[in-house]
Amino acid sequence: GNDSILTTALKGNVGIGTTAPASKLHIGVAPTASANYGTLSIGGGAFDGVTAGKFVGSASGTSIAVNEVTGYVGNLIDTQVVGVSKFSVTSAGVVQQKGCITAGGLSADVSGNIICTPSSKRFKNNITDLTDSLSNIMALRPVSYTFNPEMNLGNAIHFGFISEEVASVVPEFATHDAEGNPYGLDTSAILASTVKAIQEMNLNLDAIAGTITPLAGSTNETFVIAFFNNIKTKISTWLADTGNGIAKIFVGEVHTDKLCVGDVCVSQEQFLVMAQNSGNGGSSSSGGGGSTQIATCSDGVQNQDETGIDTGGVCDTSTSTPATLQSITITTPATKLSYTKDDALDITGLVITGTYSDATTKPETITATDISGFDSSAPATGQILTITVGGQTATYTIDINS
């Protein structure tokens, strides 16, 4: 044909330094493993850690292969500009970019270039404090997973997050591909928010302990208010439970609208009458706005002027019987007589008047615990509620709507 002698000679493999070239261009001794033959072979050897070799387009499916012997400590790849290393891969597998190390050292910029991860203030602007980090972290869903087979990452179980879910909580927590789809995670962003979340939790604890005063309207103030409201509700419920297990209470002073012993309850007015008729001369009983002095019967009738001081006379040895409650009536009905299912009892506006054996009358103090028959768990018409005060009763009706 038209082939020259040189062309004919080059139709086979060319060897430099070897009489048995195994590649199109083979420099050095013959390789020890045919699986490493490629378009270009430099040196012999195989991937056995014993003999070194470099292969381009190797038959094993690797486009570029570099193999060094066991104990080699130099760089496997080193690209330089004017003698200064810009990118290298060490024999230990460490990738270096201008001195940065892959362990938290490399990032990709918006153009896809691999750069040292910057964190110095001189590279940044628009610096602001993070907010709501605790709620953001609480919204994340930690999961375990395995990679799909086509990822060629093995079948080990991994812990982490789903990029799409993370992006829906805080877009900055996720990395994205060229089309803008969630792809990976920005672990630095998640770490910064986690640190801020811990700080927010610590502020909540400090606010509960009283070591700081939370700012008005802040999430810390909202947390503290909700916390103490919950504690107050639970303590109130516990104290109102007859099965709370409390056997004795020791306090310095007790203020109450009604005093109950067993099933018998007395108001302030009733307690004062009992105290005045107890015969304890010289004692005093506290009222809501002051005290009523019981005069001493030492040298005369137990008379009292308007100041409560004994006016003298002969002691009166007669006894008097305190007036007793004869009946109660509803003077003013409760404002709410129509309820919706599951509503709580509301006795706002309800006024009860008691009539006593001495023909006197007075308003009675009542609470929701004095009323029985209330049940809003189901619709009802004409449900009868019974008010009990001092053994006397009165009734009224309500409606429960669905």
Protein backbone atom coordinates (compact mmCIF):
# COMPACT_ATOMS: atom_id res chain seq x y z
CA GLY A 1 0.00 0.00 0.00
CA ASN A 2 1.01 3.55 0.68
CA ASP A 3 2.52 2.88 4.13
CA SER A 4 6.06 4.04 4.69
CA ILE A 5 8.60 1.95 6.49
CA LEU A 6 8.20 4.12 9.63
CA THR A 7 4.41 3.85 9.53
CA THR A 8 4.63 0.11 9.15
CA ALA A 9 6.99 -0.11 12.09
CA LEU A 10 4.64 1.85 14.32
CA LYS A 11 1.59 -0.29 13.71
CA GLY A 12 2.58 -2.37 16.72
CA ASN A 13 3.63 -1.31 20.28
CA VAL A 14 6.61 0.96 20.83
CA GLY A 15 8.96 0.34 23.69
CA ILE A 16 11.60 2.57 25.23
CA GLY A 17 13.88 0.77 27.62
CA THR A 18 12.08 -2.54 27.01
CA THR A 19 12.11 -5.10 24.23
CA ALA A 20 8.62 -6.32 25.11
CA PRO A 21 6.30 -3.26 25.01
CA ALA A 22 2.85 -4.11 26.35
CA SER A 23 1.20 -0.75 25.51
CA LYS A 24 1.05 1.52 22.45
CA LEU A 25 3.87 3.43 24.12
CA HIS A 26 5.75 1.63 26.85
CA ILE A 27 8.57 3.32 28.77
CA GLY A 28 10.51 1.17 31.19
CA VAL A 29 10.57 -2.53 31.98
CA ALA A 30 7.73 -4.85 31.10
CA PRO A 31 4.73 -4.77 33.52
CA THR A 32 4.21 -7.71 35.81
CA ALA A 33 0.42 -7.88 35.37
CA SER A 34 -1.29 -7.79 31.99
CA ALA A 35 -4.45 -6.34 33.64
CA ASN A 36 -2.60 -3.02 33.92
CA TYR A 37 -1.73 -2.70 30.24
CA GLY A 38 -2.92 0.59 28.80
CA THR A 39 -2.33 3.00 25.96
CA LEU A 40 0.68 4.39 27.82
CA SER A 41 2.72 2.46 30.38
CA ILE A 42 5.55 4.00 32.37
CA GLY A 43 7.54 1.51 34.33
CA GLY A 44 6.54 -2.02 35.09
CA GLY A 45 4.71 -3.24 38.15
CA ALA A 46 1.16 -3.98 39.15
CA PHE A 47 -1.31 -2.94 41.84
CA ASP A 48 0.37 -5.21 44.31
CA GLY A 49 2.22 -2.71 46.52
CA VAL A 50 5.54 -4.23 45.49
CA THR A 51 6.45 -2.77 42.07
CA ALA A 52 5.60 0.74 40.91
CA GLY A 53 3.85 1.59 37.67
CA LYS A 54 1.87 4.32 35.93
CA PHE A 55 -0.76 3.51 33.31
CA VAL A 56 -2.95 5.61 31.02
CA GLY A 57 -6.06 3.94 29.64
CA SER A 58 -5.28 0.76 31.50
CA ALA A 59 -7.07 -2.43 30.62
CA SER A 60 -8.52 -2.65 34.12
CA GLY A 61 -10.97 0.16 33.34
CA THR A 62 -9.06 2.96 35.09
CA SER A 63 -8.27 5.88 32.78
CA ILE A 64 -5.18 6.97 34.69
CA ALA A 65 -3.55 4.77 37.29
CA VAL A 66 -0.57 5.51 39.54
CA ASN A 67 0.86 2.74 41.66
CA GLU A 68 3.75 3.07 44.11
CA VAL A 69 5.47 0.54 46.30
CA THR A 70 4.69 0.06 49.98
CA GLY A 71 6.37 2.74 52.12
CA TYR A 72 6.29 5.44 49.44
CA VAL A 73 5.85 8.86 51.14
CA GLY A 74 5.81 11.35 48.25
CA ASN A 75 2.87 12.84 46.37
CA LEU A 76 1.02 10.63 43.90
CA ILE A 77 -0.13 13.74 42.00
CA ASP A 78 1.34 17.24 42.28
CA THR A 79 0.42 20.15 39.98
CA GLN A 80 2.55 23.28 40.33
CA VAL A 81 2.87 26.85 39.01
CA VAL A 82 6.39 28.24 39.05
CA GLY A 83 7.39 25.57 41.51
CA VAL A 84 4.47 26.28 43.90
CA SER A 85 2.09 23.37 44.51
CA LYS A 86 -1.54 24.22 43.67
CA PHE A 87 -3.17 20.81 43.88
CA SER A 88 -1.78 17.53 45.13
CA VAL A 89 -2.71 14.08 46.36
CA THR A 90 -0.35 12.60 48.92
CA SER A 91 0.52 8.92 49.30
CA ALA A 92 -1.84 8.90 52.30
CA GLY A 93 -4.75 9.95 50.05
CA VAL A 94 -4.97 13.50 51.42
CA VAL A 95 -6.12 16.06 48.85
CA GLN A 96 -4.47 19.45 49.25
CA GLN A 97 -5.54 22.72 47.61
CA LYS A 98 -3.14 25.58 48.23
CA GLY A 99 -2.36 24.10 51.62
CA CYS A 100 -5.98 23.28 52.57
CA ILE A 101 -6.83 19.76 53.69
CA THR A 102 -10.07 17.95 52.80
CA ALA A 103 -11.03 17.56 56.47
CA GLY A 104 -13.25 20.64 56.48
CA GLY A 105 -10.86 22.46 54.19
CA LEU A 106 -12.36 22.41 50.67
CA SER A 107 -15.49 23.98 49.19
CA ALA A 108 -16.92 24.56 45.74
CA ASP A 109 -17.64 28.13 44.63
CA VAL A 110 -20.63 29.12 42.47
CA SER A 111 -18.61 28.28 39.35
CA GLY A 112 -17.88 24.77 40.57
CA ASN A 113 -14.24 25.50 41.35
CA ILE A 114 -12.69 23.69 44.31
CA ILE A 115 -11.34 26.28 46.76
CA CYS A 116 -10.17 26.45 50.36
CA THR A 117 -13.19 26.88 52.62
CA PRO A 118 -13.11 30.57 53.68
CA SER A 119 -14.16 31.64 57.18
CA SER A 120 -12.14 34.77 57.87
CA LYS A 121 -14.08 37.98 58.51
CA ARG A 122 -12.15 39.65 55.70
CA PHE A 123 -14.02 37.49 53.18
CA LYS A 124 -17.51 38.24 54.51
CA ASN A 125 -20.16 40.97 54.71
CA ASN A 126 -23.84 41.26 55.74
CA ILE A 127 -23.01 39.50 59.03
CA THR A 128 -26.11 39.09 61.27
CA ASP A 129 -26.99 36.95 64.29
CA LEU A 130 -29.05 33.82 63.69
CA THR A 131 -32.60 33.67 65.09
CA ASP A 132 -35.19 30.93 65.69
CA SER A 133 -32.47 28.30 65.43
CA LEU A 134 -34.02 26.08 68.11
CA SER A 135 -37.31 25.82 66.20
CA ASN A 136 -35.43 25.18 62.94
CA ILE A 137 -33.36 22.37 64.45
CA MET A 138 -36.45 20.87 66.09
CA ALA A 139 -38.14 20.79 62.66
CA LEU A 140 -35.44 18.54 61.16
CA ARG A 141 -36.01 14.80 60.85
CA PRO A 142 -32.88 12.72 61.57
CA VAL A 143 -33.04 9.40 59.70
CA SER A 144 -31.04 6.26 59.00
CA TYR A 145 -30.65 5.05 55.40
CA THR A 146 -28.66 3.07 52.86
CA PHE A 147 -27.58 4.36 49.44
CA ASN A 148 -29.06 3.11 46.17
CA PRO A 149 -26.94 0.45 44.43
CA GLU A 150 -26.12 2.75 41.49
CA MET A 151 -24.35 5.15 43.90
CA ASN A 152 -21.66 2.47 44.39
CA LEU A 153 -21.30 3.48 48.06
CA GLY A 154 -21.88 0.08 49.61
CA ASN A 155 -24.82 -1.10 51.69
CA ALA A 156 -23.77 0.22 55.12
CA ILE A 157 -26.39 2.02 57.23
CA HIS A 158 -25.79 5.78 57.47
CA PHE A 159 -27.26 8.43 59.78
CA GLY A 160 -28.22 11.86 58.47
CA PHE A 161 -30.97 13.89 56.83
CA ILE A 162 -32.87 14.07 53.54
CA SER A 163 -31.75 17.09 51.52
CA GLU A 164 -35.25 17.88 50.22
CA GLU A 165 -36.71 17.84 53.75
CA VAL A 166 -33.89 19.99 55.11
CA ALA A 167 -34.33 22.52 52.27
CA SER A 168 -38.05 22.84 53.10
CA VAL A 169 -37.13 23.89 56.67
CA VAL A 170 -34.19 26.19 55.90
CA PRO A 171 -33.04 26.36 52.25
CA GLU A 172 -29.54 27.36 53.37
CA PHE A 173 -29.15 24.01 55.13
CA ALA A 174 -29.05 22.19 51.76
CA THR A 175 -26.70 22.27 48.78
CA HIS A 176 -28.15 22.25 45.26
CA ASP A 177 -27.17 20.94 41.82
CA ALA A 178 -26.87 23.03 38.65
CA GLU A 179 -30.66 22.81 38.11
CA GLY A 180 -31.35 24.11 41.62
CA ASN A 181 -32.52 20.77 43.02
CA PRO A 182 -31.55 19.81 46.61
CA TYR A 183 -28.49 17.56 46.41
CA GLY A 184 -26.53 17.50 49.67
CA LEU A 185 -26.17 19.22 53.04
CA ASP A 186 -24.33 22.33 54.16
CA THR A 187 -23.06 20.87 57.43
CA SER A 188 -21.46 24.18 58.43
CA ALA A 189 -24.86 25.89 58.28
CA ILE A 190 -26.48 23.11 60.32
CA LEU A 191 -23.63 23.23 62.86
CA ALA A 192 -23.95 27.01 63.29
CA SER A 193 -27.72 26.73 63.86
CA THR A 194 -27.18 23.86 66.30
CA VAL A 195 -24.79 26.00 68.36
CA LYS A 196 -27.31 28.86 68.33
CA ALA A 197 -30.10 26.46 69.36
CA ILE A 198 -28.05 25.35 72.37
CA GLN A 199 -27.52 28.99 73.32
CA GLU A 200 -31.29 29.63 73.05
CA MET A 201 -32.02 26.64 75.29
CA ASN A 202 -29.53 27.95 77.83
CA LEU A 203 -31.27 31.35 77.80
CA ASN A 204 -34.56 29.56 78.51
CA LEU A 205 -33.02 27.78 81.49
CA ASP A 206 -31.44 31.00 82.78
CA ALA A 207 -34.81 32.75 82.50
CA ILE A 208 -36.51 29.96 84.47
CA ALA A 209 -33.79 30.15 87.12
CA GLY A 210 -34.24 33.93 87.29
CA THR A 211 -30.62 34.69 86.48
CA ILE A 212 -31.70 36.78 83.46
CA THR A 213 -34.81 38.75 82.51
CA PRO A 214 -35.99 37.80 79.00
CA LEU A 215 -36.71 40.59 76.54
CA ALA A 216 -40.38 41.53 76.20
CA GLY A 217 -41.95 39.72 73.27
CA SER A 218 -38.98 37.38 72.80
CA THR A 219 -39.27 33.63 72.35
CA ASN A 220 -37.53 33.26 75.72
CA GLU A 221 -40.28 35.27 77.43
CA THR A 222 -42.95 33.20 75.66
CA PHE A 223 -41.25 30.00 76.85
CA VAL A 224 -40.98 31.19 80.47
CA ILE A 225 -44.62 32.32 80.61
CA ALA A 226 -45.82 29.02 79.15
CA PHE A 227 -43.58 27.05 81.51
CA PHE A 228 -44.79 28.70 84.72
CA ASN A 229 -48.44 28.72 83.58
CA ASN A 230 -48.16 24.98 83.06
CA ILE A 231 -46.56 24.51 86.48
CA LYS A 232 -49.31 26.61 88.13
CA THR A 233 -52.03 24.61 86.39
CA LYS A 234 -50.53 21.28 87.41
CA ILE A 235 -50.03 22.37 91.05
CA SER A 236 -53.58 23.75 91.23
CA THR A 237 -54.98 20.51 89.84
CA TRP A 238 -52.86 18.45 92.23
CA LEU A 239 -53.84 20.47 95.30
CA ALA A 240 -57.54 20.23 94.34
CA ASP A 241 -57.31 16.44 94.10
CA THR A 242 -58.46 14.70 97.29
CA GLY A 243 -56.06 11.89 96.48
CA ASN A 244 -52.94 14.10 96.41
CA GLY A 245 -51.60 12.37 99.55
CA ILE A 246 -51.02 15.56 101.59
CA ALA A 247 -51.51 14.72 105.30
CA LYS A 248 -50.37 17.95 106.96
CA ILE A 249 -49.66 21.52 105.92
CA PHE A 250 -47.63 23.94 108.06
CA VAL A 251 -47.80 27.61 107.07
CA GLY A 252 -47.45 30.95 108.76
CA GLU A 253 -50.71 32.46 107.53
CA VAL A 254 -53.67 31.32 105.43
CA HIS A 255 -56.03 33.59 103.47
CA THR A 256 -59.22 32.00 102.12
CA ASP A 257 -62.75 33.01 101.10
CA LYS A 258 -64.23 29.87 102.62
CA LEU A 259 -63.01 27.49 105.34
CA CYS A 260 -64.12 23.88 105.08
CA VAL A 261 -63.73 21.06 107.59
CA GLY A 262 -65.00 17.84 106.08
CA ASP A 263 -68.33 18.62 104.43
CA VAL A 264 -68.95 21.73 106.56
CA CYS A 265 -67.86 25.07 105.09
CA VAL A 266 -68.17 28.56 106.60
CA SER A 267 -67.74 32.01 105.11
CA GLN A 268 -66.02 34.97 106.75
CA GLU A 269 -69.29 36.28 108.23
CA GLN A 270 -70.24 32.87 109.62
CA PHE A 271 -66.79 32.44 111.13
CA LEU A 272 -67.04 35.81 112.90
CA VAL A 273 -70.40 34.85 114.44
CA MET A 274 -68.93 31.56 115.65
CA ALA A 275 -65.96 33.38 117.17
CA GLN A 276 -68.14 35.95 118.95
CA ASN A 277 -70.30 33.22 120.43
CA SER A 278 -67.44 30.98 121.48
CA GLY A 279 -67.11 32.70 124.90
CA ASN A 280 -63.37 33.35 124.50
CA GLY A 281 -63.13 36.67 126.33
CA GLY A 282 -60.43 39.10 125.23
CA SER A 283 -59.75 37.26 121.96
CA SER A 284 -60.03 38.75 118.52
CA SER A 285 -60.93 37.35 115.12
CA SER A 286 -59.53 38.72 111.94
CA GLY A 287 -61.82 40.05 109.24
CA GLY A 288 -61.13 41.05 105.73
CA GLY A 289 -60.41 44.72 106.50
CA GLY A 290 -59.46 44.75 110.20
CA SER A 291 -60.36 43.06 113.51
CA THR A 292 -63.39 42.97 115.82
CA GLN A 293 -62.46 43.17 119.52
CA ILE A 294 -64.51 40.90 121.80
CA ALA A 295 -64.93 42.80 125.12
CA THR A 296 -63.86 41.33 128.45
CA CYS A 297 -66.67 40.54 130.93
CA SER A 298 -64.88 41.38 134.15
CA ASP A 299 -67.09 43.72 136.09
CA GLY A 300 -70.34 44.11 134.26
CA VAL A 301 -72.60 43.14 131.41
CA GLN A 302 -70.68 42.26 128.29
CA ASN A 303 -71.63 45.43 126.45
CA GLN A 304 -69.57 46.88 123.64
CA ASP A 305 -69.55 50.37 122.21
CA GLU A 306 -68.76 51.02 118.58
CA THR A 307 -65.04 50.65 119.25
CA GLY A 308 -65.50 47.18 120.73
CA ILE A 309 -64.41 48.18 124.25
CA ASP A 310 -66.24 46.80 127.35
CA THR A 311 -68.50 49.48 128.88
CA GLY A 312 -68.84 47.69 132.22
CA GLY A 313 -71.83 46.33 134.18
CA VAL A 314 -72.77 42.93 135.52
CA CYS A 315 -71.80 39.87 133.49
CA ASP A 316 -74.64 38.44 131.47
CA THR A 317 -74.67 34.71 132.07
CA SER A 318 -77.38 34.04 129.55
CA THR A 319 -76.50 32.14 126.40
CA SER A 320 -77.54 32.95 122.87
CA THR A 321 -78.06 30.57 119.99
CA PRO A 322 -76.49 31.64 116.67
CA ALA A 323 -78.86 31.98 113.75
CA THR A 324 -78.87 29.03 111.39
CA LEU A 325 -79.35 28.94 107.64
CA GLN A 326 -82.92 27.94 106.78
CA SER A 327 -83.01 28.23 103.02
CA ILE A 328 -81.26 29.61 99.96
CA THR A 329 -82.74 31.23 96.87
CA ILE A 330 -81.35 32.34 93.51
CA THR A 331 -81.51 36.11 93.61
CA THR A 332 -79.76 36.65 90.26
CA PRO A 333 -79.43 33.82 87.67
CA ALA A 334 -76.07 32.97 86.14
CA THR A 335 -75.25 34.91 82.98
CA LYS A 336 -74.57 31.73 81.00
CA LEU A 337 -77.47 29.29 80.77
CA SER A 338 -76.77 27.90 77.27
CA TYR A 339 -73.60 25.81 76.79
CA THR A 340 -71.80 24.11 73.93
CA LYS A 341 -70.67 20.49 74.23
CA ASP A 342 -67.50 20.13 76.38
CA ASP A 343 -67.76 23.70 77.78
CA ALA A 344 -66.70 24.30 81.40
CA LEU A 345 -69.21 25.40 84.04
CA ASP A 346 -69.50 29.21 84.27
CA ILE A 347 -71.29 30.71 87.31
CA THR A 348 -70.50 34.32 86.49
CA GLY A 349 -73.33 36.59 87.67
CA LEU A 350 -74.99 33.95 89.89
CA VAL A 351 -76.12 35.44 93.25
CA ILE A 352 -77.43 33.22 96.07
CA THR A 353 -79.19 34.72 99.14
CA GLY A 354 -79.50 32.81 102.39
CA THR A 355 -82.36 33.20 104.88
CA TYR A 356 -81.51 32.55 108.57
CA SER A 357 -83.52 31.50 111.61
CA ASP A 358 -83.44 35.05 113.01
CA ALA A 359 -85.20 36.27 109.83
CA THR A 360 -82.04 37.90 108.49
CA THR A 361 -80.81 37.41 104.94
CA LYS A 362 -77.43 37.81 103.30
CA PRO A 363 -75.65 36.86 100.07
CA GLU A 364 -73.86 33.51 100.22
CA THR A 365 -70.41 32.90 98.81
CA ILE A 366 -70.42 30.01 96.33
CA THR A 367 -67.94 28.38 93.96
CA ALA A 368 -68.27 25.84 91.18
CA THR A 369 -67.65 23.08 93.73
CA ASP A 370 -70.97 23.97 95.41
CA ILE A 371 -72.85 23.01 92.22
CA SER A 372 -73.60 19.43 91.16
CA GLY A 373 -75.30 17.87 88.15
CA PHE A 374 -73.27 19.64 85.47
CA ASP A 375 -72.29 17.41 82.50
CA SER A 376 -71.40 18.94 79.12
CA SER A 377 -70.08 15.73 77.55
CA ALA A 378 -73.26 15.32 75.50
CA PRO A 379 -76.11 17.57 74.29
CA ALA A 380 -78.95 17.98 76.84
CA THR A 381 -82.04 20.14 77.28
CA GLY A 382 -83.19 21.30 80.72
CA GLN A 383 -80.22 19.83 82.61
CA ILE A 384 -80.82 20.47 86.34
CA LEU A 385 -77.98 21.95 88.39
CA THR A 386 -78.19 21.82 92.19
CA ILE A 387 -76.60 24.47 94.42
CA THR A 388 -75.81 23.34 97.98
CA VAL A 389 -74.86 25.80 100.75
CA GLY A 390 -74.91 24.87 104.43
CA GLY A 391 -77.09 21.84 103.76
CA GLN A 392 -79.70 23.93 101.91
CA THR A 393 -80.30 23.56 98.15
CA ALA A 394 -81.62 25.50 95.20
CA THR A 395 -81.79 24.44 91.53
CA TYR A 396 -81.73 25.95 88.07
CA THR A 397 -81.65 24.51 84.55
CA ILE A 398 -79.29 24.88 81.57
CA ASP A 399 -79.11 23.60 77.99
CA ILE A 400 -76.14 21.79 76.39
CA ASN A 401 -75.95 22.29 72.62
CA SER A 402 -73.99 20.13 70.16
